[in-house]
Amino acid sequence: MPSIHGLTLGDVLSEHRRGRPLGTAVVDGPVRLTYPELGDRVDRLAGALAADGVGTGDRVLWLGQNSFRVLELLLACGRLGAVFCPANWRQTADELAHILDDLTPRVVVWEASEAVEKARGQVTLDARWIGSGEEYEAYAAAGTPAAETAADADAPVLAMYTAAFDGRPNAALLSHSALVAHSMALLHVRQMEDGFAFLACGPLFHVGTMMFTLATFQLGGKLVFTPAYEPGEVCRLIDAEKCTQAFLFGPMIDGLVEANAGGAHDLSSLRFVSHSPAWDAMITVDDSPWCASGMGGYGQTEVGGMLTFLGLGMGGAGGAGRPSPLVHVRLLGPAGEEVPAGEVGEICARGLSLFSGYWNRPELNAAKAAGGWHHTGDLGRREPDGTLTFIGPRLRMIKSANENIYPAEVERALRTHPAVADAAVIGVPDDRFGQSPKAVVVLKDGAAATADEIIEHVRAEIASYKKPREVAFTDAIPKKGYTPDYDALDAAHGGGAYPGT
């Protein structure tokens, strides 16, 4: 028996079917569906998936470009207690094979590509493969409509690959309740109103696009899908569908300004962030906290998107603003103690929008949830006015005398030097202090700087005890995933003596 307090994505769809019978739910090329029509498709799709054995806890994988089918697959999986994963189809065959082997989906809906074909041949997988176009349509249409069921609102429904701590990504699991909670926080800060229309022109495997897709769905707005960002088509869709919001950032905006230089399309329905005089003249510059703050804040997939919003702390000292109204944030030290304002600690959180852990990662999940807090793996600082500043990834800590030094904070200061292209910081054994920080620096082409100049620059940026005592110059920083390979750096530059070793 479901709780009377639960609310699933299926419940949201059911309410819109009744309360918005004429409202447009999705637009995707020639496809236009009202909420009742979307609901009917979800019923049939859920029936087809169930006939293929998809049930509680099973996974369904999407490997393809943006489509309204991503939303209906998510909703159909939610009806069955299954988990839906839209994966990055642009990855290499080896990366896709890792996802297939890790997630072991029961059904894969895919768009033909050489990488997917190759990945499929690299794994042994007992799954139903369905082409994302006509084959999918025939599959869904043949399903016997599934009755509305009472799914568990706290059960995972969405998996998104992220957090490549060891060079391989992990699938963060988000429940119905977490997604609904995050949508409500975003609705509040963005001040989304009836009639809101979102253009999903960013990738749906990215939480930035997905979070606005789900918030628009939560509101009962119109979702406009396009396979990928193409400036001319995005301009056309904004005009034709009177889109209120789209997934856009600097270079994408510049592309729209160039594509619409002649004013062929009316973009005034778009209520967005100020960017340039030409852009501002084309759109309606929005004054909601979300847009007025430049869409700032701190987030990650594991918190549903945004943990903090700059729009809740505009004018404050911290560039990440303040937390969502539905979460609780603490800055914790190595022993789990809360650090005082002005000190750097790990950003830790709990609350309604947080994820349910990673798929098939019990040891990692235990570590990330230590002490009853989600440990984000990122560093921040609480400013005296209560706002938050994001510092960077924690990764590891250097212990010099009794002081904790986080490489990310020092690396951030190093990268503000005009001659520095990239940098990493390691701890090296020190007879007096136990450890001391050492910077490994890559200079920009044609630039010059001495070790002393770089050390003095860091001294001016952060507390003096955090400055590197040595600087080694190199041609490149080795990487593990997107972050420095600290083990390789230690081996090459004499690192060691870390706390706990």
Protein backbone atom coordinates (compact mmCIF):
# COMPACT_ATOMS: atom_id res chain seq x y z
CA MET A 1 0.00 0.00 0.00
CA PRO A 2 1.58 3.34 -1.05
CA SER A 3 1.98 6.16 1.40
CA ILE A 4 -0.54 8.97 1.12
CA HIS A 5 2.44 11.30 1.33
CA GLY A 6 4.25 9.90 -1.72
CA LEU A 7 4.32 11.53 -5.14
CA THR A 8 5.83 9.79 -8.16
CA LEU A 9 6.49 11.07 -11.67
CA GLY A 10 3.60 8.85 -12.74
CA ASP A 11 1.34 10.64 -10.27
CA VAL A 12 2.38 13.98 -11.77
CA LEU A 13 1.54 12.72 -15.27
CA SER A 14 -1.81 11.35 -14.08
CA GLU A 15 -2.72 14.68 -12.55
CA HIS A 16 -1.79 16.54 -15.75
CA ARG A 17 -3.90 14.12 -17.82
CA ARG A 18 -6.91 15.15 -15.79
CA GLY A 19 -6.08 18.76 -15.01
CA ARG A 20 -4.54 19.77 -18.36
CA PRO A 21 -6.44 17.72 -20.96
CA LEU A 22 -5.77 20.30 -23.69
CA GLY A 23 -2.25 21.27 -22.65
CA THR A 24 0.64 20.51 -25.01
CA ALA A 25 3.09 18.22 -23.24
CA VAL A 26 5.78 17.61 -25.87
CA VAL A 27 6.81 18.86 -29.28
CA ASP A 28 9.45 16.95 -31.27
CA GLY A 29 9.59 17.59 -35.01
CA PRO A 30 6.18 16.54 -36.38
CA VAL A 31 5.18 14.99 -33.04
CA ARG A 32 2.83 17.06 -30.87
CA LEU A 33 1.25 15.40 -27.85
CA THR A 34 -1.19 16.62 -25.24
CA TYR A 35 -0.80 15.34 -21.71
CA PRO A 36 -3.54 12.72 -22.18
CA GLU A 37 -1.87 11.57 -25.42
CA LEU A 38 1.51 11.35 -23.69
CA GLY A 39 -0.13 9.39 -20.89
CA ASP A 40 -1.65 6.91 -23.36
CA ARG A 41 1.75 6.34 -24.98
CA VAL A 42 3.36 5.81 -21.57
CA ASP A 43 0.68 3.24 -20.69
CA ARG A 44 1.36 1.23 -23.86
CA LEU A 45 5.12 1.53 -23.51
CA ALA A 46 4.99 0.36 -19.89
CA GLY A 47 2.95 -2.64 -21.05
CA ALA A 48 5.49 -3.47 -23.75
CA LEU A 49 8.40 -3.22 -21.30
CA ALA A 50 6.57 -5.36 -18.76
CA ALA A 51 6.01 -8.02 -21.41
CA ASP A 52 9.77 -8.06 -21.92
CA GLY A 53 10.26 -8.78 -18.24
CA VAL A 54 11.07 -5.26 -17.07
CA GLY A 55 10.06 -4.90 -13.44
CA THR A 56 11.16 -3.54 -10.10
CA GLY A 57 14.83 -2.60 -10.10
CA ASP A 58 15.49 -3.50 -13.75
CA ARG A 59 17.34 -1.02 -15.95
CA VAL A 60 16.44 0.42 -19.35
CA LEU A 61 19.16 2.24 -21.30
CA TRP A 62 18.83 4.97 -23.94
CA LEU A 63 21.74 5.47 -26.36
CA GLY A 64 20.77 8.24 -28.74
CA GLN A 65 20.24 11.93 -29.29
CA ASN A 66 17.54 14.03 -27.65
CA SER A 67 13.97 12.87 -28.14
CA PHE A 68 10.58 13.05 -26.44
CA ARG A 69 11.01 9.29 -26.10
CA VAL A 70 13.53 9.92 -23.32
CA LEU A 71 10.76 11.43 -21.19
CA GLU A 72 8.20 8.72 -21.95
CA LEU A 73 10.74 5.95 -21.27
CA LEU A 74 11.51 7.55 -17.91
CA LEU A 75 7.80 7.73 -17.09
CA ALA A 76 7.14 4.17 -18.25
CA CYS A 77 10.04 2.84 -16.17
CA GLY A 78 8.68 4.72 -13.20
CA ARG A 79 5.34 2.96 -13.59
CA LEU A 80 7.10 -0.41 -13.35
CA GLY A 81 9.50 0.40 -10.53
CA ALA A 82 12.37 0.18 -13.05
CA VAL A 83 15.30 2.56 -13.55
CA PHE A 84 15.87 4.52 -16.76
CA CYS A 85 19.32 5.71 -17.86
CA PRO A 86 19.98 8.18 -20.70
CA ALA A 87 23.69 7.67 -21.39
CA ASN A 88 26.18 9.77 -23.32
CA TRP A 89 25.98 8.23 -26.78
CA ARG A 90 28.98 10.32 -27.92
CA GLN A 91 31.40 8.21 -25.89
CA THR A 92 33.92 5.77 -27.32
CA ALA A 93 33.08 2.11 -27.81
CA ASP A 94 35.13 1.17 -24.74
CA GLU A 95 33.29 3.71 -22.59
CA LEU A 96 29.92 2.53 -23.84
CA ALA A 97 30.92 -1.10 -23.25
CA HIS A 98 31.72 -0.19 -19.64
CA ILE A 99 28.20 1.21 -19.20
CA LEU A 100 26.58 -1.84 -20.80
CA ASP A 101 28.62 -4.20 -18.64
CA ASP A 102 28.09 -2.14 -15.48
CA LEU A 103 24.37 -1.35 -15.79
CA THR A 104 23.32 -4.70 -17.34
CA PRO A 105 20.12 -3.24 -18.80
CA ARG A 106 17.23 -5.51 -19.72
CA VAL A 107 16.26 -3.25 -22.64
CA VAL A 108 18.47 -0.95 -24.73
CA VAL A 109 16.92 1.65 -27.02
CA TRP A 110 19.63 2.78 -29.39
CA GLU A 111 20.46 5.00 -32.31
CA ALA A 112 22.74 3.31 -34.83
CA SER A 113 26.38 4.37 -34.63
CA GLU A 114 29.74 2.73 -35.15
CA ALA A 115 30.66 3.17 -31.46
CA VAL A 116 27.44 1.56 -30.20
CA GLU A 117 27.78 -1.31 -32.67
CA LYS A 118 31.35 -1.93 -31.55
CA ALA A 119 30.46 -1.68 -27.85
CA ARG A 120 27.61 -4.16 -28.34
CA GLY A 121 30.09 -6.67 -29.69
CA GLN A 122 32.44 -6.23 -26.71
CA VAL A 123 30.01 -7.38 -24.01
CA THR A 124 27.87 -10.39 -23.26
CA LEU A 125 24.45 -8.97 -22.43
CA ASP A 126 21.04 -10.59 -22.27
CA ALA A 127 19.03 -7.56 -23.36
CA ARG A 128 16.35 -6.61 -25.88
CA TRP A 129 17.81 -4.08 -28.36
CA ILE A 130 15.32 -1.70 -29.98
CA GLY A 131 16.08 0.87 -32.67
CA SER A 132 15.20 4.40 -31.53
CA GLY A 133 13.00 5.25 -34.54
CA GLU A 134 10.39 3.18 -36.35
CA GLU A 135 11.25 -0.01 -34.46
CA TYR A 136 10.63 1.79 -31.16
CA GLU A 137 7.31 3.16 -32.41
CA ALA A 138 6.13 -0.29 -33.45
CA TYR A 139 7.31 -1.78 -30.14
CA ALA A 140 5.48 0.82 -28.06
CA ALA A 141 2.31 0.72 -30.15
CA ALA A 142 2.03 -3.06 -29.75
CA GLY A 143 2.08 -2.89 -25.95
CA THR A 144 -1.03 -3.69 -23.95
CA PRO A 145 -1.74 -0.55 -21.89
CA ALA A 146 -0.54 -1.00 -18.35
CA ALA A 147 -2.84 0.14 -15.58
CA GLU A 148 -1.71 2.97 -13.36
CA THR A 149 0.16 1.41 -10.47
CA ALA A 150 1.24 2.70 -7.10
CA ALA A 151 5.03 2.85 -7.45
CA ASP A 152 7.29 3.59 -4.49
CA ALA A 153 8.04 7.31 -4.51
CA ASP A 154 11.37 6.73 -2.77
CA ALA A 155 12.54 4.10 -5.26
CA PRO A 156 15.22 5.06 -7.83
CA VAL A 157 13.80 5.89 -11.26
CA LEU A 158 16.61 7.77 -13.04
CA ALA A 159 20.28 6.79 -13.39
CA MET A 160 22.83 9.27 -14.71
CA TYR A 161 26.49 8.43 -15.17
CA THR A 162 28.86 10.83 -13.43
CA ALA A 163 31.60 10.91 -10.79
CA ALA A 164 34.53 9.28 -12.58
CA PHE A 165 36.60 9.11 -9.37
CA ASP A 166 38.84 6.34 -10.69
CA GLY A 167 38.60 7.19 -14.38
CA ARG A 168 35.34 5.26 -14.86
CA PRO A 169 31.93 6.87 -14.25
CA ASN A 170 29.35 5.73 -11.71
CA ALA A 171 25.57 5.76 -12.15
CA ALA A 172 23.91 8.08 -9.65
CA LEU A 173 20.40 6.89 -8.78
CA LEU A 174 17.67 9.49 -8.25
CA SER A 175 14.26 8.66 -6.84
CA HIS A 176 10.85 10.03 -7.79
CA SER A 177 10.79 12.00 -4.54
CA ALA A 178 14.24 13.50 -5.12
CA LEU A 179 13.37 14.59 -8.66
CA VAL A 180 10.07 16.11 -7.57
CA ALA A 181 11.79 17.98 -4.71
CA HIS A 182 14.53 19.35 -6.95
CA SER A 183 11.96 20.44 -9.51
CA MET A 184 10.06 22.36 -6.84
CA ALA A 185 13.21 24.17 -5.70
CA LEU A 186 14.10 25.08 -9.28
CA LEU A 187 10.53 26.21 -9.96
CA HIS A 188 10.83 28.55 -6.99
CA VAL A 189 14.17 30.14 -7.88
CA ARG A 190 13.47 30.34 -11.62
CA GLN A 191 9.96 31.66 -10.90
CA MET A 192 8.47 29.34 -13.49
CA GLU A 193 4.82 30.11 -14.19
CA ASP A 194 1.89 28.58 -16.04
CA GLY A 195 2.61 28.48 -19.77
CA PHE A 196 6.33 27.86 -19.33
CA ALA A 197 7.95 26.24 -22.38
CA PHE A 198 11.43 24.68 -22.24
CA LEU A 199 13.58 23.93 -25.28
CA ALA A 200 15.75 20.88 -24.59
CA CYS A 201 18.60 21.67 -26.97
CA GLY A 202 21.31 20.51 -24.56
CA PRO A 203 22.03 16.81 -24.05
CA LEU A 204 19.47 14.95 -21.97
CA PHE A 205 22.21 12.78 -20.49
CA HIS A 206 23.38 15.96 -18.73
CA VAL A 207 21.67 16.92 -15.48
CA GLY A 208 21.50 20.58 -16.56
CA THR A 209 19.08 19.76 -19.38
CA MET A 210 17.29 17.01 -17.48
CA MET A 211 16.57 19.16 -14.42
CA PHE A 212 14.75 21.80 -16.48
CA THR A 213 12.95 19.12 -18.47
CA LEU A 214 11.58 17.63 -15.26
CA ALA A 215 10.76 20.99 -13.67
CA THR A 216 8.78 21.96 -16.77
CA PHE A 217 7.01 18.59 -16.66
CA GLN A 218 6.28 19.09 -12.95
CA LEU A 219 4.64 22.43 -13.75
CA GLY A 220 2.62 21.04 -16.64
CA GLY A 221 4.46 23.18 -19.17
CA LYS A 222 5.45 22.49 -22.76
CA LEU A 223 8.63 20.55 -23.57
CA VAL A 224 10.20 21.14 -26.97
CA PHE A 225 12.84 18.61 -28.04
CA THR A 226 15.48 18.92 -30.74
CA PRO A 227 18.05 16.17 -31.43
CA ALA A 228 21.03 18.43 -30.79
CA TYR A 229 22.02 22.08 -30.67
CA GLU A 230 21.93 23.65 -34.13
CA PRO A 231 21.74 27.47 -34.00
CA GLY A 232 19.36 28.05 -36.90
CA GLU A 233 16.94 25.36 -35.76
CA VAL A 234 17.07 26.56 -32.15
CA CYS A 235 16.14 30.07 -33.28
CA ARG A 236 13.28 28.69 -35.37
CA LEU A 237 11.92 26.62 -32.49
CA ILE A 238 12.10 29.48 -29.98
CA ASP A 239 10.05 31.59 -32.40
CA ALA A 240 7.59 28.88 -33.46
CA GLU A 241 6.93 27.44 -30.00
CA LYS A 242 7.39 30.64 -27.98
CA CYS A 243 9.93 29.00 -25.71
CA THR A 244 10.53 30.61 -22.32
CA GLN A 245 13.80 28.89 -21.46
CA ALA A 246 16.45 26.79 -23.19
CA PHE A 247 19.64 25.01 -22.20
CA LEU A 248 22.22 27.57 -23.32
CA PHE A 249 25.58 28.92 -22.24
CA GLY A 250 28.07 31.47 -23.60
CA PRO A 251 29.31 29.95 -26.89
CA MET A 252 25.85 28.57 -27.68
CA ILE A 253 24.34 32.04 -27.18
CA ASP A 254 26.98 33.57 -29.45
CA GLY A 255 25.98 31.04 -32.11
CA LEU A 256 22.32 32.09 -31.84
CA VAL A 257 23.23 35.78 -32.14
CA GLU A 258 25.17 35.03 -35.33
CA ALA A 259 22.44 32.79 -36.75
CA ASN A 260 19.74 35.40 -36.11
CA ALA A 261 21.76 38.48 -37.04
CA GLY A 262 19.22 39.42 -39.70
CA GLY A 263 16.33 39.16 -37.25
CA ALA A 264 14.54 36.41 -39.16
CA HIS A 265 13.18 34.93 -35.95
CA ASP A 266 11.42 36.55 -33.01
CA LEU A 267 13.22 35.40 -29.86
CA SER A 268 11.46 37.75 -27.46
CA SER A 269 9.52 34.93 -25.77
CA LEU A 270 12.82 33.67 -24.36
CA ARG A 271 13.26 35.03 -20.84
CA PHE A 272 16.95 34.51 -20.26
CA VAL A 273 20.21 35.79 -18.84
CA SER A 274 21.79 39.00 -20.07
CA HIS A 275 24.83 38.17 -22.21
CA SER A 276 25.68 40.85 -24.79
CA PRO A 277 23.98 43.93 -26.27
CA ALA A 278 23.02 42.01 -29.42
CA TRP A 279 21.63 39.08 -27.43
CA ASP A 280 19.80 41.26 -24.94
CA ALA A 281 18.09 43.08 -27.81
CA MET A 282 16.79 39.79 -29.23
CA ILE A 283 15.34 38.28 -26.03
CA THR A 284 13.59 39.41 -22.87
CA VAL A 285 16.18 39.76 -20.13
CA ASP A 286 14.72 37.92 -17.18
CA ASP A 287 14.70 39.31 -13.63
CA SER A 288 14.04 36.06 -11.75
CA PRO A 289 16.66 35.18 -9.11
CA TRP A 290 17.92 32.36 -11.33
CA CYS A 291 18.57 34.53 -14.38
CA ALA A 292 19.48 37.75 -12.60
CA SER A 293 22.25 35.88 -10.79
CA GLY A 294 23.65 34.50 -14.04
CA MET A 295 22.33 30.98 -13.29
CA GLY A 296 24.98 30.64 -10.61
CA GLY A 297 25.33 28.20 -7.75
CA TYR A 298 26.85 24.85 -6.92
CA GLY A 299 25.53 21.49 -7.98
CA GLN A 300 26.20 17.96 -9.15
CA THR A 301 24.18 15.08 -10.52
CA GLU A 302 24.02 13.45 -7.08
CA VAL A 303 21.87 16.30 -5.71
CA GLY A 304 19.50 16.35 -8.68
CA GLY A 305 21.24 19.33 -10.26
CA MET A 306 21.59 22.31 -7.93
CA LEU A 307 22.46 22.16 -4.24
CA THR A 308 22.88 25.92 -3.82
CA PHE A 309 21.61 28.89 -5.81
CA LEU A 310 23.36 32.22 -6.22
CA GLY A 311 19.87 33.64 -6.68
CA LEU A 312 19.27 32.98 -2.96
CA GLY A 313 22.37 34.94 -2.00
CA MET A 314 22.79 37.72 -4.54
CA GLY A 315 25.10 40.43 -3.30
CA GLY A 316 26.70 38.05 -0.81
CA ALA A 317 30.38 37.27 -0.50
CA GLY A 318 30.03 33.67 -1.69
CA GLY A 319 29.78 32.94 -5.39
CA ALA A 320 27.62 29.83 -4.83
CA GLY A 321 24.86 31.61 -2.92
CA ARG A 322 22.78 29.71 -0.38
CA PRO A 323 21.32 26.19 -0.29
CA SER A 324 18.04 25.10 -1.83
CA PRO A 325 15.17 25.41 0.66
CA LEU A 326 14.86 21.61 0.64
CA VAL A 327 18.40 20.67 1.66
CA HIS A 328 20.73 21.03 4.63
CA VAL A 329 24.42 21.86 3.97
CA ARG A 330 27.46 21.64 6.23
CA LEU A 331 31.18 22.25 5.62
CA LEU A 332 32.95 19.37 7.33
CA GLY A 333 36.58 18.74 8.23
CA PRO A 334 38.52 15.46 7.93
CA ALA A 335 37.15 14.10 11.22
CA GLY A 336 33.55 14.99 10.38
CA GLU A 337 33.58 18.18 12.43
CA GLU A 338 31.93 21.33 11.14
CA VAL A 339 34.55 23.93 10.26
CA PRO A 340 33.96 27.56 11.22
CA ALA A 341 33.07 30.30 8.76
CA GLY A 342 36.07 31.34 6.72
CA GLU A 343 37.65 27.88 6.79
CA VAL A 344 37.62 25.39 3.93
CA GLY A 345 35.77 22.10 4.39
CA GLU A 346 34.06 19.43 2.33
CA ILE A 347 30.59 20.36 1.12
CA CYS A 348 28.25 17.82 2.70
CA ALA A 349 24.49 17.70 2.47
CA ARG A 350 21.30 15.87 3.21
CA GLY A 351 17.76 16.64 2.18
CA LEU A 352 14.87 15.85 -0.10
CA SER A 353 16.59 16.16 -3.49
CA LEU A 354 19.62 13.97 -2.80
CA PHE A 355 20.34 10.77 -4.67
CA SER A 356 19.95 7.21 -3.42
CA GLY A 357 23.56 6.20 -3.98
CA TYR A 358 25.40 4.79 -7.00
CA TRP A 359 24.33 1.67 -8.86
CA ASN A 360 26.27 -1.39 -7.73
CA ARG A 361 28.85 0.54 -5.65
CA PRO A 362 28.29 -0.53 -2.01
CA GLU A 363 31.72 0.48 -0.70
CA LEU A 364 31.64 3.87 -2.42
CA ASN A 365 28.10 4.46 -1.16
CA ALA A 366 29.14 3.75 2.42
CA ALA A 367 32.00 6.22 2.16
CA LYS A 368 29.92 8.92 0.50
CA ALA A 369 27.17 8.67 3.14
CA ALA A 370 29.49 8.53 6.19
CA GLY A 371 28.05 10.16 9.29
CA GLY A 372 24.62 10.59 7.75
CA TRP A 373 25.76 13.19 5.22
CA HIS A 374 26.32 12.99 1.49
CA HIS A 375 29.98 13.84 1.01
CA THR A 376 30.12 15.65 -2.32
CA GLY A 377 33.89 15.31 -2.73
CA ASP A 378 34.06 19.06 -3.27
CA LEU A 379 35.42 21.82 -1.08
CA GLY A 380 33.69 25.01 -0.06
CA ARG A 381 33.85 27.85 2.44
CA ARG A 382 31.07 29.47 4.44
CA GLU A 383 31.53 33.22 4.30
CA PRO A 384 30.82 35.48 7.30
CA ASP A 385 27.47 36.48 5.76
CA GLY A 386 26.43 32.83 5.50
CA THR A 387 26.79 32.47 1.73
CA LEU A 388 28.94 29.72 0.24
CA THR A 389 32.02 29.74 -1.97
CA PHE A 390 32.88 26.71 -4.09
CA ILE A 391 36.63 25.95 -4.03
CA GLY A 392 37.07 22.78 -6.09
CA PRO A 393 37.35 18.99 -5.79
CA ARG A 394 38.73 17.59 -2.53
CA LEU A 395 40.45 14.45 -3.88
CA ARG A 396 43.07 14.31 -1.11
CA MET A 397 44.47 16.36 1.74
CA ILE A 398 47.98 17.49 2.70
CA LYS A 399 48.81 17.70 6.41
CA SER A 400 51.52 20.29 7.10
CA ALA A 401 52.27 20.56 10.83
CA ASN A 402 48.71 20.78 12.26
CA GLU A 403 47.22 22.51 9.23
CA ASN A 404 44.99 20.86 6.62
CA ILE A 405 45.79 21.93 3.06
CA TYR A 406 43.53 20.92 0.18
CA PRO A 407 45.27 20.77 -3.23
CA ALA A 408 42.19 22.11 -5.02
CA GLU A 409 42.33 25.41 -3.12
CA VAL A 410 46.01 25.90 -3.91
CA GLU A 411 45.49 24.83 -7.54
CA ARG A 412 42.76 27.40 -7.92
CA ALA A 413 45.12 30.13 -6.72
CA LEU A 414 47.90 28.88 -9.02
CA ARG A 415 45.67 29.05 -12.08
CA THR A 416 44.97 32.74 -11.50
CA HIS A 417 48.64 33.50 -12.30
CA PRO A 418 48.70 34.94 -15.85
CA ALA A 419 51.54 32.63 -16.93
CA VAL A 420 50.01 29.38 -15.64
CA ALA A 421 48.09 27.14 -18.05
CA ASP A 422 47.52 24.22 -15.67
CA ALA A 423 48.65 23.14 -12.23
CA ALA A 424 48.40 20.40 -9.63
CA VAL A 425 49.54 20.25 -6.03
CA ILE A 426 50.95 17.24 -4.16
CA GLY A 427 52.29 16.72 -0.66
CA VAL A 428 55.95 15.78 -0.23
CA PRO A 429 57.56 14.42 2.96
CA ASP A 430 58.97 17.14 5.21
CA ASP A 431 61.18 16.37 8.25
CA ARG A 432 59.91 19.42 10.12
CA PHE A 433 56.24 19.63 9.13
CA GLY A 434 55.44 16.04 8.13
CA GLN A 435 54.41 17.23 4.67
CA SER A 436 54.74 20.36 2.60
CA PRO A 437 52.86 21.34 -0.56
CA LYS A 438 54.63 21.16 -3.91
CA ALA A 439 53.21 22.71 -7.09
CA VAL A 440 53.57 21.05 -10.48
CA VAL A 441 53.00 23.76 -13.08
CA VAL A 442 52.48 23.98 -16.83
CA LEU A 443 53.21 27.42 -18.26
CA LYS A 444 51.29 28.95 -21.15
CA ASP A 445 52.99 28.93 -24.53
CA GLY A 446 55.49 31.78 -24.65
CA ALA A 447 54.99 32.71 -20.99
CA ALA A 448 57.67 32.79 -18.32
CA ALA A 449 57.59 32.74 -14.52
CA THR A 450 60.01 31.69 -11.80
CA ALA A 451 59.21 29.43 -8.89
CA ASP A 452 59.56 32.35 -6.47
CA GLU A 453 57.13 34.47 -8.49
CA ILE A 454 54.53 31.71 -8.48
CA ILE A 455 54.93 31.07 -4.74
CA GLU A 456 54.52 34.76 -3.96
CA HIS A 457 51.44 34.94 -6.16
CA VAL A 458 49.80 32.13 -4.20
CA ARG A 459 50.81 33.77 -0.89
CA ALA A 460 48.83 36.85 -1.96
CA GLU A 461 45.77 34.77 -2.89
CA ILE A 462 45.35 32.45 0.12
CA ALA A 463 46.73 31.91 3.62
CA SER A 464 50.52 31.85 3.61
CA TYR A 465 50.82 28.38 5.15
CA LYS A 466 49.01 26.94 2.11
CA LYS A 467 51.50 28.25 -0.45
CA PRO A 468 53.75 25.69 -2.19
CA ARG A 469 57.29 25.50 -0.86
CA GLU A 470 58.51 24.05 -4.14
CA VAL A 471 57.51 24.42 -7.78
CA ALA A 472 58.28 21.90 -10.52
CA PHE A 473 57.68 22.84 -14.14
CA THR A 474 56.39 20.25 -16.61
CA ASP A 475 54.90 20.01 -20.10
CA ALA A 476 51.57 18.47 -19.06
CA ILE A 477 49.61 17.37 -15.98
CA PRO A 478 48.69 13.67 -16.19
CA LYS A 479 44.95 13.12 -15.80
CA LYS A 480 42.70 10.39 -14.47
CA GLY A 481 39.36 11.12 -16.01
CA TYR A 482 38.98 14.89 -15.71
CA THR A 483 41.16 15.36 -12.65
CA PRO A 484 44.92 15.26 -12.04
CA ASP A 485 46.42 11.80 -11.65
CA TYR A 486 47.90 12.42 -8.22
CA ASP A 487 49.42 8.96 -7.96
CA ALA A 488 51.40 9.57 -11.16
CA LEU A 489 52.38 13.03 -9.92
CA ASP A 490 53.54 11.60 -6.58
CA ALA A 491 55.67 9.01 -8.37
CA ALA A 492 57.22 11.60 -10.67
CA HIS A 493 57.76 14.39 -8.15
CA GLY A 494 58.41 12.71 -4.79
CA GLY A 495 54.97 12.89 -3.20
CA GLY A 496 54.04 10.95 -0.08
CA ALA A 497 53.50 10.93 3.70
CA TYR A 498 49.77 11.66 3.38
CA PRO A 499 47.61 11.46 6.53
CA GLY A 500 46.57 7.89 7.27
CA THR A 501 49.35 6.32 5.19
